[in-house]
Amino acid sequence: MTLTANQTERRRLKRGTGLETVVDRAAMAILSLGVIASTALLFSFTAWGTVGSVAAIAAASLHWLLLRCVAEHLRLQKKIAGLAFEGRISGPYAEIISSCGNCGQMLHSAERCDSCGAQIVQDANTIPFAA
């Protein structure tokens, strides 16, 4: 007789790096790179065109981060007000995974459990396996 199990759903919290952390890290990285680049360019080159291009790249990066922060702030304000918004707010979010009803391990296949070898049967009230 074959061992069978039902597919069950479990929820787990999936954590991502929030945009505010990325902004902090990028700010420190840009500051450090700016100091290193300006020192190296000061001692290496006399052409101000190189300094201008590095400054333009740094300014573009800072503008990108600023606009991303403003967009997230607007999404948060709309969410608080109960309005619809486009895009995703950074940070943790819930993810639905399928697990074996026999041993509880995460399923990688819709046919059988890789851990205990049980054949997975579908119930009428179970969401089909999505991998």
Protein backbone atom coordinates (compact mmCIF):
# COMPACT_ATOMS: atom_id res chain seq x y z
CA MET A 1 0.00 0.00 0.00
CA THR A 2 1.30 3.45 -0.96
CA LEU A 3 1.77 6.17 1.66
CA THR A 4 -0.42 9.18 0.79
CA ALA A 5 -0.72 12.67 2.27
CA ASN A 6 -2.74 15.80 1.65
CA GLN A 7 -1.15 19.07 0.58
CA THR A 8 -1.50 21.62 3.38
CA GLU A 9 -0.69 25.32 3.35
CA ARG A 10 1.50 27.11 5.84
CA ARG A 11 2.30 30.77 5.98
CA ARG A 12 5.71 32.14 6.71
CA LEU A 13 6.96 35.68 7.01
CA LYS A 14 9.32 36.56 4.22
CA ARG A 15 11.59 39.41 5.18
CA GLY A 16 13.13 41.73 2.65
CA THR A 17 15.42 44.65 3.16
CA GLY A 18 13.40 47.82 3.64
CA LEU A 19 14.05 50.79 1.42
CA GLU A 20 15.15 52.88 4.39
CA THR A 21 17.99 50.41 5.08
CA VAL A 22 19.02 50.53 1.42
CA VAL A 23 19.03 54.34 1.54
CA ASP A 24 21.22 54.34 4.66
CA ARG A 25 23.70 51.88 3.16
CA ALA A 26 23.74 53.67 -0.19
CA ALA A 27 24.28 57.02 1.51
CA MET A 28 27.32 55.71 3.39
CA ALA A 29 28.65 53.94 0.28
CA ILE A 30 28.27 57.04 -1.90
CA LEU A 31 29.89 59.20 0.76
CA SER A 32 32.82 56.79 1.10
CA LEU A 33 33.23 56.40 -2.65
CA GLY A 34 33.00 60.17 -3.10
CA VAL A 35 35.79 60.78 -0.61
CA ILE A 36 37.98 58.06 -2.13
CA ALA A 37 37.29 59.16 -5.72
CA SER A 38 37.86 62.84 -5.01
CA THR A 39 41.14 62.10 -3.22
CA ALA A 40 42.34 59.80 -6.01
CA LEU A 41 41.32 62.26 -8.72
CA LEU A 42 42.94 65.15 -6.89
CA PHE A 43 46.30 63.37 -6.78
CA SER A 44 46.07 61.63 -10.19
CA PHE A 45 44.43 63.91 -12.73
CA THR A 46 44.19 67.58 -13.40
CA ALA A 47 41.31 67.23 -15.86
CA TRP A 48 38.15 68.58 -14.26
CA GLY A 49 36.01 66.67 -16.76
CA THR A 50 36.58 63.45 -14.83
CA VAL A 51 35.53 65.08 -11.58
CA GLY A 52 32.40 66.42 -13.26
CA SER A 53 31.39 63.00 -14.57
CA VAL A 54 31.85 61.37 -11.15
CA ALA A 55 29.81 64.15 -9.57
CA ALA A 56 27.06 63.68 -12.16
CA ILE A 57 26.87 59.94 -11.49
CA ALA A 58 26.73 60.54 -7.73
CA ALA A 59 24.03 63.20 -8.15
CA ALA A 60 21.97 60.88 -10.36
CA SER A 61 22.19 58.11 -7.78
CA LEU A 62 21.12 60.43 -5.01
CA HIS A 63 18.20 61.72 -7.05
CA TRP A 64 17.12 58.14 -7.78
CA LEU A 65 17.16 57.27 -4.07
CA LEU A 66 15.30 60.46 -3.16
CA LEU A 67 12.57 59.82 -5.71
CA ARG A 68 12.18 56.20 -4.59
CA CYS A 69 11.77 57.40 -1.00
CA VAL A 70 9.17 59.95 -2.05
CA ALA A 71 7.27 57.27 -4.00
CA GLU A 72 7.25 54.94 -1.00
CA HIS A 73 6.12 57.77 1.26
CA LEU A 74 3.20 58.43 -1.07
CA ARG A 75 2.27 54.73 -1.10
CA LEU A 76 2.30 54.70 2.71
CA GLN A 77 0.11 57.80 2.89
CA LYS A 78 -2.39 56.29 0.44
CA LYS A 79 -2.44 53.03 2.39
CA ILE A 80 -3.11 54.87 5.65
CA ALA A 81 -5.91 56.86 3.97
CA GLY A 82 -7.43 53.65 2.57
CA LEU A 83 -6.85 54.56 -1.07
CA ALA A 84 -5.61 52.25 -3.80
CA PHE A 85 -1.94 52.56 -4.73
CA GLU A 86 0.37 51.10 -7.35
CA GLY A 87 3.60 49.33 -6.57
CA ARG A 88 4.71 47.54 -3.44
CA ILE A 89 5.69 48.91 -0.07
CA SER A 90 9.11 47.59 0.94
CA GLY A 91 9.60 45.37 3.94
CA PRO A 92 8.42 41.92 5.03
CA TYR A 93 5.44 40.21 3.44
CA ALA A 94 3.64 36.90 3.87
CA GLU A 95 4.22 34.01 1.48
CA ILE A 96 2.10 30.86 1.10
CA ILE A 97 4.01 27.59 0.76
CA SER A 98 2.78 24.01 0.35
CA SER A 99 3.82 21.39 2.86
CA CYS A 100 3.35 17.66 3.25
CA GLY A 101 0.43 16.64 5.47
CA ASN A 102 2.39 13.61 6.71
CA CYS A 103 5.80 14.99 7.75
CA GLY A 104 5.26 18.79 7.47
CA GLN A 105 8.19 19.43 5.12
CA MET A 106 7.94 21.95 2.27
CA LEU A 107 6.81 20.38 -1.02
CA HIS A 108 8.92 20.79 -4.15
CA SER A 109 6.68 18.58 -6.30
CA ALA A 110 2.91 18.17 -6.71
CA GLU A 111 3.20 14.37 -6.96
CA ARG A 112 5.20 13.22 -3.94
CA CYS A 113 7.05 14.45 -0.87
CA ASP A 114 10.84 14.51 -1.24
CA SER A 115 11.35 14.00 2.49
CA CYS A 116 9.07 11.08 3.45
CA GLY A 117 8.12 9.79 -0.02
CA ALA A 118 4.36 10.15 0.50
CA GLN A 119 2.23 10.48 -2.64
CA ILE A 120 0.39 13.82 -2.63
CA VAL A 121 -3.37 13.64 -3.24
CA GLN A 122 -5.45 16.71 -4.03
CA ASP A 123 -8.55 17.54 -1.99
CA ALA A 124 -11.47 19.50 -3.41
CA ASN A 125 -10.75 22.38 -1.01
CA THR A 126 -6.98 22.48 -1.64
CA ILE A 127 -5.39 25.10 -3.87
CA PRO A 128 -3.44 23.39 -6.71
CA PHE A 129 0.31 23.23 -6.26
CA ALA A 130 2.07 26.30 -7.64
CA ALA A 131 5.84 26.08 -7.88
